[in-house]
Protein backbone atom coordinates (compact mmCIF):
# COMPACT_ATOMS: atom_id res chain seq x y z
CA UNK A 1 0.00 0.00 0.00
CA UNK A 2 1.34 3.45 -0.85
CA UNK A 3 2.34 5.84 1.88
CA UNK A 4 -0.43 8.09 3.17
CA UNK A 5 -0.71 11.55 1.67
CA UNK A 6 0.18 14.63 3.67
CA UNK A 7 -2.20 15.62 6.43
CA UNK A 8 -5.08 17.68 5.09
CA UNK A 9 -4.87 16.31 1.54
CA UNK A 10 -8.21 16.13 -0.26
CA UNK A 11 -9.27 12.54 -0.84
CA UNK A 12 -11.56 10.99 -3.42
CA UNK A 13 -14.73 9.90 -1.61
CA UNK A 14 -17.63 7.98 -3.10
CA UNK A 15 -20.95 8.47 -1.30
CA UNK A 16 -23.26 5.61 -2.26
CA UNK A 17 -26.21 6.34 0.04
CA UNK A 18 -28.23 9.22 1.41
CA UNK A 19 -26.46 11.52 3.87
CA UNK A 20 -27.95 14.45 5.79
CA UNK A 21 -27.30 17.63 3.76
CA UNK A 22 -25.19 19.21 6.49
CA UNK A 23 -22.95 16.12 6.67
CA UNK A 24 -22.54 16.01 2.91
CA UNK A 25 -21.61 19.72 2.89
CA UNK A 26 -18.96 19.16 5.57
CA UNK A 27 -17.52 16.27 3.59
CA UNK A 28 -17.43 18.28 0.36
CA UNK A 29 -15.56 21.07 2.10
CA UNK A 30 -12.52 18.87 2.73
CA UNK A 31 -12.64 16.15 0.06
CA UNK A 32 -13.52 15.54 -3.57
CA UNK A 33 -16.92 13.87 -3.32
CA UNK A 34 -18.91 11.88 -5.88
CA UNK A 35 -22.49 11.03 -4.94
CA UNK A 36 -23.71 7.95 -6.81
CA UNK A 37 -26.12 5.38 -5.43
CA UNK A 38 -26.29 2.32 -7.70
CA UNK A 39 -29.68 1.44 -6.24
CA UNK A 40 -31.20 4.54 -7.83
CA UNK A 41 -32.13 4.75 -11.53
CA UNK A 42 -29.41 6.12 -13.78
CA UNK A 43 -26.64 6.17 -11.16
CA UNK A 44 -24.95 2.81 -11.75
CA UNK A 45 -22.57 4.18 -14.42
CA UNK A 46 -21.46 7.06 -12.19
CA UNK A 47 -20.90 4.64 -9.30
CA UNK A 48 -18.80 2.35 -11.50
CA UNK A 49 -16.70 5.25 -12.79
CA UNK A 50 -16.09 6.63 -9.29
CA UNK A 51 -14.88 3.28 -7.96
CA UNK A 52 -11.65 3.50 -9.94
CA UNK A 53 -10.49 6.61 -8.08
CA UNK A 54 -12.27 6.20 -4.71
CA UNK A 55 -10.04 6.20 -1.62
CA UNK A 56 -13.00 6.21 0.76
CA UNK A 57 -16.65 5.19 0.53
CA UNK A 58 -19.66 6.12 2.66
CA UNK A 59 -23.12 4.61 2.37
CA UNK A 60 -25.34 1.66 3.11
CA UNK A 61 -27.58 -1.04 1.63
CA UNK A 62 -25.31 -1.83 -1.34
CA UNK A 63 -23.52 -5.17 -1.64
CA UNK A 64 -19.76 -4.53 -1.64
CA UNK A 65 -18.20 -7.85 -2.60
CA UNK A 66 -14.84 -8.93 -4.03
CA UNK A 67 -15.90 -8.04 -7.57
CA UNK A 68 -16.76 -4.47 -6.56
CA UNK A 69 -13.56 -4.12 -4.55
CA UNK A 70 -11.50 -5.29 -7.52
CA UNK A 71 -12.69 -2.19 -9.38
CA UNK A 72 -11.57 0.08 -6.52
CA UNK A 73 -7.76 -0.31 -6.40
CA UNK A 74 -7.20 2.87 -4.34
CA UNK A 75 -9.82 2.15 -1.71
CA UNK A 76 -8.61 2.37 1.88
CA UNK A 77 -11.69 2.77 4.08
CA UNK A 78 -15.45 2.23 3.96
CA UNK A 79 -17.81 3.88 6.42
CA UNK A 80 -21.09 1.97 6.48
CA UNK A 81 -24.10 3.90 7.76
CA UNK A 82 -25.49 0.75 9.34
CA UNK A 83 -25.31 -1.51 12.35
CA UNK A 84 -24.99 -4.76 10.39
CA UNK A 85 -22.05 -5.54 8.10
CA UNK A 86 -23.52 -8.44 6.10
CA UNK A 87 -23.45 -6.42 2.86
CA UNK A 88 -19.64 -6.48 2.92
CA UNK A 89 -17.21 -9.23 1.95
CA UNK A 90 -15.20 -9.16 5.17
CA UNK A 91 -12.57 -11.63 3.95
CA UNK A 92 -11.92 -9.56 0.82
CA UNK A 93 -11.67 -6.37 2.86
CA UNK A 94 -9.21 -7.99 5.26
CA UNK A 95 -7.11 -9.33 2.40
CA UNK A 96 -6.83 -5.82 0.96
CA UNK A 97 -6.25 -4.15 4.33
CA UNK A 98 -9.35 -1.98 3.87
CA UNK A 99 -10.86 -0.63 7.09
CA UNK A 100 -14.61 -1.05 7.53
CA UNK A 101 -16.40 1.27 9.95
CA UNK A 102 -20.01 0.88 11.05
CA UNK A 103 -22.38 2.30 13.65
CA UNK A 104 -23.18 -0.25 16.39
CA UNK A 105 -25.44 0.91 19.17
CA UNK A 106 -27.12 3.85 17.47
CA UNK A 107 -30.40 1.99 16.82
CA UNK A 108 -30.42 -0.45 19.72
CA UNK A 109 -33.44 0.93 21.56
CA UNK A 110 -35.25 1.90 18.36
CA UNK A 111 -34.89 -1.59 16.93
CA UNK A 112 -35.88 -3.18 20.23
CA UNK A 113 -39.05 -1.04 20.20
CA UNK A 114 -39.85 -2.29 16.70
CA UNK A 115 -39.24 -5.94 17.57
CA UNK A 116 -41.35 -5.78 20.71
CA UNK A 117 -43.98 -3.92 18.69
CA UNK A 118 -44.06 -6.91 16.34
CA UNK A 119 -44.46 -9.22 19.33
CA UNK A 120 -47.44 -7.17 20.47
CA UNK A 121 -48.96 -6.74 17.01
CA UNK A 122 -48.73 -10.39 16.02
CA UNK A 123 -49.96 -11.68 19.38
CA UNK A 124 -52.84 -9.25 19.80
CA UNK A 125 -53.61 -9.39 16.01
CA UNK A 126 -53.48 -5.60 15.79
CA UNK A 127 -52.81 -5.31 12.05
CA UNK A 128 -55.37 -7.96 11.16
CA UNK A 129 -58.11 -6.44 13.33
CA UNK A 130 -57.37 -2.90 12.14
CA UNK A 131 -57.83 -4.11 8.57
CA UNK A 132 -61.02 -5.87 9.67
CA UNK A 133 -62.41 -2.47 10.67
CA UNK A 134 -61.04 -0.52 7.67
CA UNK A 135 -62.49 -3.03 5.22
CA UNK A 136 -65.97 -2.68 6.71
CA UNK A 137 -66.12 -6.23 8.07
CA UNK A 138 -66.78 -5.21 11.70
CA UNK A 139 -70.51 -5.83 11.88
CA UNK A 140 -70.82 -7.34 15.36
CA UNK A 141 -68.75 -8.14 18.42
CA UNK A 142 -65.88 -10.37 17.37
CA UNK A 143 -65.98 -14.01 18.39
CA UNK A 144 -63.31 -16.32 19.64
CA UNK A 145 -61.99 -16.87 16.12
CA UNK A 146 -60.64 -13.30 16.16
CA UNK A 147 -59.45 -13.08 19.75
CA UNK A 148 -55.89 -11.97 20.33
CA UNK A 149 -53.41 -13.68 22.65
CA UNK A 150 -52.02 -12.27 25.88
CA UNK A 151 -48.35 -11.27 25.83
CA UNK A 152 -47.77 -10.79 29.56
CA UNK A 153 -46.46 -13.88 31.28
CA UNK A 154 -45.66 -15.74 28.06
CA UNK A 155 -42.18 -17.22 27.58
CA UNK A 156 -40.06 -15.30 25.07
CA UNK A 157 -37.23 -17.06 23.25
CA UNK A 158 -34.53 -14.85 21.75
CA UNK A 159 -32.24 -16.05 18.98
CA UNK A 160 -29.26 -13.86 19.76
CA UNK A 161 -28.46 -11.87 22.89
CA UNK A 162 -26.38 -8.88 21.87
CA UNK A 163 -27.29 -5.25 22.58
CA UNK A 164 -30.63 -5.47 20.79
CA UNK A 165 -31.54 -8.86 22.24
CA UNK A 166 -30.82 -7.59 25.74
CA UNK A 167 -32.93 -4.48 25.14
CA UNK A 168 -35.84 -6.66 23.97
CA UNK A 169 -35.36 -8.90 27.02
CA UNK A 170 -35.66 -5.89 29.34
CA UNK A 171 -38.96 -4.89 27.77
CA UNK A 172 -40.27 -8.44 28.01
CA UNK A 173 -39.00 -9.48 31.45
CA UNK A 174 -39.12 -6.22 33.36
CA UNK A 175 -42.14 -4.71 31.64
CA UNK A 176 -44.38 -7.68 30.84
CA UNK A 177 -43.32 -10.33 33.34
CA UNK A 178 -42.15 -12.67 30.59
CA UNK A 179 -39.61 -15.40 31.35
CA UNK A 180 -36.85 -15.01 28.73
CA UNK A 181 -34.79 -17.79 27.17
CA UNK A 182 -31.93 -16.87 24.86
CA UNK A 183 -29.69 -18.78 22.48
CA UNK A 184 -26.18 -17.42 21.98
CA UNK A 185 -22.67 -18.85 21.67
CA UNK A 186 -22.00 -18.23 25.36
CA UNK A 187 -23.95 -17.20 28.46
CA UNK A 188 -24.00 -13.43 28.92
CA UNK A 189 -24.02 -11.81 32.36
CA UNK A 190 -26.34 -8.79 32.27
CA UNK A 191 -26.79 -7.53 35.86
CA UNK A 192 -30.34 -6.20 35.52
CA UNK A 193 -31.48 -9.38 33.76
CA UNK A 194 -30.07 -11.87 36.27
CA UNK A 195 -32.82 -14.30 37.16
CA UNK A 196 -34.91 -13.12 34.21
CA UNK A 197 -33.01 -14.41 31.14
CA UNK A 198 -31.63 -17.96 30.79
CA UNK A 199 -29.03 -19.21 28.31
CA UNK A 200 -30.69 -22.16 26.51
CA UNK A 201 -29.74 -24.58 23.70
CA UNK A 202 -31.56 -23.83 20.46
CA UNK A 203 -33.77 -26.93 20.32
CA UNK A 204 -34.87 -26.50 23.92
CA UNK A 205 -35.64 -22.83 23.38
CA UNK A 206 -37.79 -23.58 20.34
CA UNK A 207 -39.70 -26.26 22.23
CA UNK A 208 -40.37 -24.11 25.31
CA UNK A 209 -40.95 -20.57 24.04
CA UNK A 210 -44.42 -19.21 23.32
CA UNK A 211 -42.90 -16.47 21.17
CA UNK A 212 -39.56 -16.79 19.35
CA UNK A 213 -37.82 -13.64 18.09
CA UNK A 214 -34.72 -13.52 15.88
CA UNK A 215 -32.34 -10.73 16.91
CA UNK A 216 -29.01 -12.07 15.65
CA UNK A 217 -26.71 -10.96 12.81
CA UNK A 218 -26.64 -12.62 9.40
CA UNK A 219 -23.52 -14.79 9.02
CA UNK A 220 -22.64 -17.99 7.21
CA UNK A 221 -23.73 -19.85 10.36
CA UNK A 222 -27.09 -18.10 10.75
CA UNK A 223 -28.15 -17.96 7.09
CA UNK A 224 -31.25 -20.15 6.76
CA UNK A 225 -31.10 -20.98 10.48
CA UNK A 226 -34.89 -21.20 10.81
CA UNK A 227 -36.14 -23.91 8.46
CA UNK A 228 -38.66 -26.75 8.37
CA UNK A 229 -37.01 -28.66 11.22
CA UNK A 230 -36.78 -25.62 13.49
CA UNK A 231 -40.35 -24.46 12.93
CA UNK A 232 -41.58 -28.00 13.60
CA UNK A 233 -39.77 -27.90 16.97
CA UNK A 234 -41.68 -24.80 18.04
CA UNK A 235 -44.68 -25.21 20.32
CA UNK A 236 -48.03 -25.62 18.54
CA UNK A 237 -49.66 -22.20 18.49
CA UNK A 238 -46.38 -20.31 19.03
CA UNK A 239 -45.49 -17.04 17.31
CA UNK A 240 -42.34 -16.27 15.32
CA UNK A 241 -40.91 -12.74 14.96
CA UNK A 242 -38.00 -11.73 12.74
CA UNK A 243 -36.39 -8.38 13.48
CA UNK A 244 -32.92 -9.38 12.29
CA UNK A 245 -32.26 -10.24 8.63
CA UNK A 246 -34.61 -11.90 6.15
CA UNK A 247 -32.09 -14.52 5.01
CA UNK A 248 -31.98 -16.02 8.51
CA UNK A 249 -35.41 -17.50 7.77
CA UNK A 250 -36.37 -20.01 5.09
CA UNK A 251 -39.56 -18.18 4.17
CA UNK A 252 -41.34 -21.07 2.48
CA UNK A 253 -40.80 -23.21 5.58
CA UNK A 254 -42.27 -20.45 7.75
CA UNK A 255 -45.30 -20.11 5.47
CA UNK A 256 -45.79 -23.88 5.51
CA UNK A 257 -45.84 -23.85 9.32
CA UNK A 258 -48.42 -21.04 9.25
CA UNK A 259 -50.51 -22.67 6.52
CA UNK A 260 -50.61 -25.93 8.50
CA UNK A 261 -51.79 -24.07 11.58
CA UNK A 262 -48.73 -25.18 13.58
CA UNK A 263 -47.78 -21.56 14.25
CA UNK A 264 -50.28 -18.98 15.41
CA UNK A 265 -48.73 -15.97 13.68
CA UNK A 266 -45.56 -14.33 12.41
CA UNK A 267 -44.38 -10.75 12.71
CA UNK A 268 -41.82 -9.88 10.02
CA UNK A 269 -39.79 -6.68 9.75
CA UNK A 270 -37.36 -8.11 7.18
CA UNK A 271 -37.54 -10.38 4.14
CA UNK A 272 -35.17 -12.34 1.93
CA UNK A 273 -35.90 -9.93 -0.96
CA UNK A 274 -36.41 -6.26 -0.19
CA UNK A 275 -38.42 -4.27 -1.08
CA UNK A 276 -40.96 -7.09 -0.91
CA UNK A 277 -42.26 -7.91 -4.44
CA UNK A 278 -46.05 -7.84 -4.78
CA UNK A 279 -46.04 -11.47 -5.93
CA UNK A 280 -43.83 -12.61 -3.04
CA UNK A 281 -45.16 -15.63 -1.07
CA UNK A 282 -45.26 -13.69 2.25
CA UNK A 283 -47.84 -11.39 0.63
CA UNK A 284 -49.74 -13.86 -1.53
CA UNK A 285 -49.98 -16.88 0.79
CA UNK A 286 -53.52 -17.67 1.95
CA UNK A 287 -53.47 -18.48 5.64
CA UNK A 288 -56.14 -20.28 7.63
CA UNK A 289 -58.43 -18.45 10.02
CA UNK A 290 -56.66 -17.63 13.25
CA UNK A 291 -53.17 -17.18 11.78
CA UNK A 292 -51.63 -13.99 10.49
CA UNK A 293 -48.46 -12.43 9.21
CA UNK A 294 -47.72 -8.85 10.21
CA UNK A 295 -45.13 -7.36 7.85
CA UNK A 296 -43.83 -4.02 9.06
CA UNK A 297 -41.05 -1.75 7.80
């Protein structure tokens, strides 16, 4: 790698995602900046051209793999405006000595709110019943076939127990009196959750939890983690929530478990393909009475 330029030298920076105007202005004041988001119409060519001279990149939601990096011979650092790093080929970055920065912690409580909101919405059938009213189908007091399910006191199983998983556990255990089981590589000592959250093997967690929520990163080990076998291990009538990454779940296996009535409901914030195509199975699947999917986000 060539020696670094003198302090204060203007660098070539490729911005491949939206930045707040004030941040973009600050960046442009000290560096040569190209703004090109390949996800937007007509910007792929500009992105490709800028790669050849880029020394730094800032953005999110674009796959940066070995093929992209090969077209960026001067690249030294990427700043990802994201918590997750699954869009980046970490081995290729390490081989090139390229630094990857990201933003862990900034959305911990916000994401935990969303995930627990999905727990509430899917259990109490909030989206389904709101649509029932909007569509003019509320003609009498609802019967048992449309009753929701209590959240308080139910057992919550968390797949993953990092910052976000712990924040969800606090909401569940300390706010709703829910026993919490979690599956992670190792037990984690969180002082305010002692006696409330228990490290549990995956199969046992699936068999015991009333509600299972995925809050773990997407890696080679977690890709497709929840499939036919895992959904079959869940308690009859349990709920599954995914607030992590869509590729962690084998969507057809989840839909099959819902279609069969084995699972009560699913709350999904993420999908394997995003934005969700209108002909995607999660939108087009016909579920039996009493089950629901609640896509949000």
